[in-house]
Amino acid sequence: MRIIGGKFKGRKFFPPAKNWPTRPTTDFSKEGLFNILNNYIDFESVK
């Protein structure tokens, strides 16, 4: 998975696939999801 925005844009991370199976998601889908979440979560205060 790759972070597509913010301070850590472009970084890759690898979730524990054995415990949490993931599928590739398009950048367009990720951007839409986080635009929605941004209305509910103050990401600036999350560390």
PDB file of N, CA and C in Angstrom:
ATOM      1  N   MET A   1       0.849  -1.166   0.000  1.00  0.00           N
ATOM      2  CA  MET A   1       0.000   0.000   0.000  1.00  0.00           C
ATOM      3  C   MET A   1       0.894   1.228   0.000  1.00  0.00           C
ATOM      4  N   ARG A   2       0.366   2.305  -0.548  1.00  0.00           N
ATOM      5  CA  ARG A   2       1.136   3.536  -0.658  1.00  0.00           C
ATOM      6  C   ARG A   2       0.300   4.695  -0.150  1.00  0.00           C
ATOM      7  N   ILE A   3       0.918   5.584   0.598  1.00  0.00           N
ATOM      8  CA  ILE A   3       0.254   6.788   1.083  1.00  0.00           C
ATOM      9  C   ILE A   3       0.252   7.800  -0.055  1.00  0.00           C
ATOM     10  N   ILE A   4      -0.916   8.382  -0.358  1.00  0.00           N
ATOM     11  CA  ILE A   4      -1.031   9.232  -1.547  1.00  0.00           C
ATOM     12  C   ILE A   4      -1.112  10.720  -1.235  1.00  0.00           C
ATOM     13  N   GLY A   5      -1.098  11.097   0.038  1.00  0.00           N
ATOM     14  CA  GLY A   5      -1.175  12.513   0.346  1.00  0.00           C
ATOM     15  C   GLY A   5      -0.633  12.830   1.719  1.00  0.00           C
ATOM     16  N   GLY A   6      -0.453  14.106   1.969  1.00  0.00           N
ATOM     17  CA  GLY A   6      -0.009  14.560   3.272  1.00  0.00           C
ATOM     18  C   GLY A   6       1.493  14.497   3.461  1.00  0.00           C
ATOM     19  N   LYS A   7       1.895  14.594   4.705  1.00  0.00           N
ATOM     20  CA  LYS A   7       3.306  14.638   5.075  1.00  0.00           C
ATOM     21  C   LYS A   7       4.082  13.415   4.596  1.00  0.00           C
ATOM     22  N   PHE A   8       3.446  12.256   4.607  1.00  0.00           N
ATOM     23  CA  PHE A   8       4.118  11.006   4.260  1.00  0.00           C
ATOM     24  C   PHE A   8       3.795  10.524   2.848  1.00  0.00           C
ATOM     25  N   LYS A   9       3.395  11.422   1.979  1.00  0.00           N
ATOM     26  CA  LYS A   9       3.036  11.087   0.599  1.00  0.00           C
ATOM     27  C   LYS A   9       4.165  10.315  -0.083  1.00  0.00           C
ATOM     28  N   GLY A  10       3.779   9.239  -0.747  1.00  0.00           N
ATOM     29  CA  GLY A  10       4.733   8.437  -1.500  1.00  0.00           C
ATOM     30  C   GLY A  10       5.344   7.280  -0.729  1.00  0.00           C
ATOM     31  N   ARG A  11       5.189   7.270   0.593  1.00  0.00           N
ATOM     32  CA  ARG A  11       5.740   6.166   1.379  1.00  0.00           C
ATOM     33  C   ARG A  11       4.901   4.915   1.195  1.00  0.00           C
ATOM     34  N   LYS A  12       5.572   3.784   1.267  1.00  0.00           N
ATOM     35  CA  LYS A  12       4.883   2.499   1.172  1.00  0.00           C
ATOM     36  C   LYS A  12       4.891   1.829   2.536  1.00  0.00           C
ATOM     37  N   PHE A  13       3.835   1.091   2.818  1.00  0.00           N
ATOM     38  CA  PHE A  13       3.804   0.284   4.031  1.00  0.00           C
ATOM     39  C   PHE A  13       3.112  -1.025   3.719  1.00  0.00           C
ATOM     40  N   PHE A  14       3.408  -2.008   4.515  1.00  0.00           N
ATOM     41  CA  PHE A  14       2.915  -3.356   4.254  1.00  0.00           C
ATOM     42  C   PHE A  14       2.131  -3.860   5.466  1.00  0.00           C
ATOM     43  N   PRO A  15       0.806  -3.931   5.365  1.00  0.00           N
ATOM     44  CA  PRO A  15      -0.007  -4.424   6.485  1.00  0.00           C
ATOM     45  C   PRO A  15       0.227  -5.911   6.695  1.00  0.00           C
ATOM     46  N   PRO A  16      -0.055  -6.407   7.899  1.00  0.00           N
ATOM     47  CA  PRO A  16       0.124  -7.843   8.168  1.00  0.00           C
ATOM     48  C   PRO A  16      -0.905  -8.667   7.395  1.00  0.00           C
ATOM     49  N   ALA A  17      -0.546  -9.107   6.217  1.00  0.00           N
ATOM     50  CA  ALA A  17      -1.483  -9.771   5.300  1.00  0.00           C
ATOM     51  C   ALA A  17      -2.060 -11.059   5.865  1.00  0.00           C
ATOM     52  N   LYS A  18      -1.322 -11.746   6.709  1.00  0.00           N
ATOM     53  CA  LYS A  18      -1.833 -13.004   7.265  1.00  0.00           C
ATOM     54  C   LYS A  18      -3.032 -12.763   8.171  1.00  0.00           C
ATOM     55  N   ASN A  19      -2.998 -11.657   8.910  1.00  0.00           N
ATOM     56  CA  ASN A  19      -4.072 -11.358   9.856  1.00  0.00           C
ATOM     57  C   ASN A  19      -5.175 -10.504   9.244  1.00  0.00           C
ATOM     58  N   TRP A  20      -4.847  -9.760   8.221  1.00  0.00           N
ATOM     59  CA  TRP A  20      -5.809  -8.829   7.632  1.00  0.00           C
ATOM     60  C   TRP A  20      -5.618  -8.798   6.125  1.00  0.00           C
ATOM     61  N   PRO A  21      -6.323  -9.663   5.408  1.00  0.00           N
ATOM     62  CA  PRO A  21      -6.139  -9.700   3.957  1.00  0.00           C
ATOM     63  C   PRO A  21      -6.575  -8.383   3.308  1.00  0.00           C
ATOM     64  N   THR A  22      -5.755  -7.882   2.414  1.00  0.00           N
ATOM     65  CA  THR A  22      -6.060  -6.627   1.733  1.00  0.00           C
ATOM     66  C   THR A  22      -6.040  -6.839   0.230  1.00  0.00           C
ATOM     67  N   ARG A  23      -6.667  -5.918  -0.464  1.00  0.00           N
ATOM     68  CA  ARG A  23      -6.660  -5.938  -1.930  1.00  0.00           C
ATOM     69  C   ARG A  23      -6.175  -4.588  -2.417  1.00  0.00           C
ATOM     70  N   PRO A  24      -5.564  -4.542  -3.581  1.00  0.00           N
ATOM     71  CA  PRO A  24      -5.140  -3.244  -4.114  1.00  0.00           C
ATOM     72  C   PRO A  24      -6.344  -2.322  -4.339  1.00  0.00           C
ATOM     73  N   THR A  25      -6.162  -1.060  -4.044  1.00  0.00           N
ATOM     74  CA  THR A  25      -7.208  -0.059  -4.224  1.00  0.00           C
ATOM     75  C   THR A  25      -6.652   1.059  -5.094  1.00  0.00           C
ATOM     76  N   THR A  26      -7.457   1.563  -5.986  1.00  0.00           N
ATOM     77  CA  THR A  26      -6.985   2.647  -6.848  1.00  0.00           C
ATOM     78  C   THR A  26      -6.794   3.926  -6.038  1.00  0.00           C
ATOM     79  N   ASP A  27      -5.903   4.793  -6.509  1.00  0.00           N
ATOM     80  CA  ASP A  27      -5.685   6.077  -5.850  1.00  0.00           C
ATOM     81  C   ASP A  27      -6.973   6.886  -5.806  1.00  0.00           C
ATOM     82  N   PHE A  28      -7.776   6.790  -6.847  1.00  0.00           N
ATOM     83  CA  PHE A  28      -9.042   7.516  -6.903  1.00  0.00           C
ATOM     84  C   PHE A  28      -9.967   7.076  -5.764  1.00  0.00           C
ATOM     85  N   SER A  29     -10.038   5.773  -5.511  1.00  0.00           N
ATOM     86  CA  SER A  29     -10.883   5.251  -4.434  1.00  0.00           C
ATOM     87  C   SER A  29     -10.370   5.690  -3.073  1.00  0.00           C
ATOM     88  N   LYS A  30      -9.050   5.620  -2.878  1.00  0.00           N
ATOM     89  CA  LYS A  30      -8.468   6.028  -1.596  1.00  0.00           C
ATOM     90  C   LYS A  30      -8.710   7.509  -1.335  1.00  0.00           C
ATOM     91  N   GLU A  31      -8.556   8.318  -2.350  1.00  0.00           N
ATOM     92  CA  GLU A  31      -8.773   9.747  -2.186  1.00  0.00           C
ATOM     93  C   GLU A  31     -10.225  10.023  -1.804  1.00  0.00           C
ATOM     94  N   GLY A  32     -11.161   9.351  -2.439  1.00  0.00           N
ATOM     95  CA  GLY A  32     -12.574   9.519  -2.108  1.00  0.00           C
ATOM     96  C   GLY A  32     -12.884   9.107  -0.686  1.00  0.00           C
ATOM     97  N   LEU A  33     -12.331   7.981  -0.258  1.00  0.00           N
ATOM     98  CA  LEU A  33     -12.555   7.498   1.107  1.00  0.00           C
ATOM     99  C   LEU A  33     -12.043   8.507   2.128  1.00  0.00           C
ATOM    100  N   PHE A  34     -10.823   8.994   1.947  1.00  0.00           N
ATOM    101  CA  PHE A  34     -10.269   9.918   2.926  1.00  0.00           C
ATOM    102  C   PHE A  34     -10.908  11.293   2.857  1.00  0.00           C
ATOM    103  N   ASN A  35     -11.451  11.687   1.729  1.00  0.00           N
ATOM    104  CA  ASN A  35     -12.222  12.927   1.676  1.00  0.00           C
ATOM    105  C   ASN A  35     -13.476  12.812   2.532  1.00  0.00           C
ATOM    106  N   ILE A  36     -14.102  11.653   2.528  1.00  0.00           N
ATOM    107  CA  ILE A  36     -15.281  11.420   3.372  1.00  0.00           C
ATOM    108  C   ILE A  36     -14.876  11.379   4.838  1.00  0.00           C
ATOM    109  N   LEU A  37     -13.820  10.609   5.157  1.00  0.00           N
ATOM    110  CA  LEU A  37     -13.369  10.491   6.546  1.00  0.00           C
ATOM    111  C   LEU A  37     -12.914  11.828   7.118  1.00  0.00           C
ATOM    112  N   ASN A  38     -12.385  12.685   6.275  1.00  0.00           N
ATOM    113  CA  ASN A  38     -11.899  13.986   6.730  1.00  0.00           C
ATOM    114  C   ASN A  38     -13.011  14.819   7.359  1.00  0.00           C
ATOM    115  N   ASN A  39     -14.256  14.574   6.982  1.00  0.00           N
ATOM    116  CA  ASN A  39     -15.384  15.289   7.581  1.00  0.00           C
ATOM    117  C   ASN A  39     -15.707  14.794   8.983  1.00  0.00           C
ATOM    118  N   TYR A  40     -15.226  13.612   9.348  1.00  0.00           N
ATOM    119  CA  TYR A  40     -15.541  13.010  10.638  1.00  0.00           C
ATOM    120  C   TYR A  40     -14.353  12.937  11.592  1.00  0.00           C
ATOM    121  N   ILE A  41     -13.145  12.943  11.053  1.00  0.00           N
ATOM    122  CA  ILE A  41     -11.944  12.767  11.869  1.00  0.00           C
ATOM    123  C   ILE A  41     -11.016  13.952  11.649  1.00  0.00           C
ATOM    124  N   ASP A  42     -10.483  14.492  12.744  1.00  0.00           N
ATOM    125  CA  ASP A  42      -9.492  15.563  12.650  1.00  0.00           C
ATOM    126  C   ASP A  42      -8.118  14.913  12.522  1.00  0.00           C
ATOM    127  N   PHE A  43      -7.673  14.690  11.290  1.00  0.00           N
ATOM    128  CA  PHE A  43      -6.416  13.988  11.049  1.00  0.00           C
ATOM    129  C   PHE A  43      -5.206  14.782  11.524  1.00  0.00           C
ATOM    130  N   GLU A  44      -5.333  16.086  11.666  1.00  0.00           N
ATOM    131  CA  GLU A  44      -4.210  16.901  12.138  1.00  0.00           C
ATOM    132  C   GLU A  44      -3.842  16.546  13.573  1.00  0.00           C
ATOM    133  N   SER A  45      -4.814  16.104  14.375  1.00  0.00           N
ATOM    134  CA  SER A  45      -4.536  15.777  15.780  1.00  0.00           C
ATOM    135  C   SER A  45      -4.187  14.307  15.982  1.00  0.00           C
ATOM    136  N   VAL A  46      -4.287  13.489  14.938  1.00  0.00           N
ATOM    137  CA  VAL A  46      -3.969  12.062  15.035  1.00  0.00           C
ATOM    138  C   VAL A  46      -2.480  11.879  14.800  1.00  0.00           C
ATOM    139  N   LYS A  47      -1.832  11.123  15.682  1.00  0.00           N
ATOM    140  CA  LYS A  47      -0.390  10.875  15.519  1.00  0.00           C
ATOM    141  C   LYS A  47      -0.125   9.419  15.364  1.00  0.00           C
TER     142      LYS A  47
END
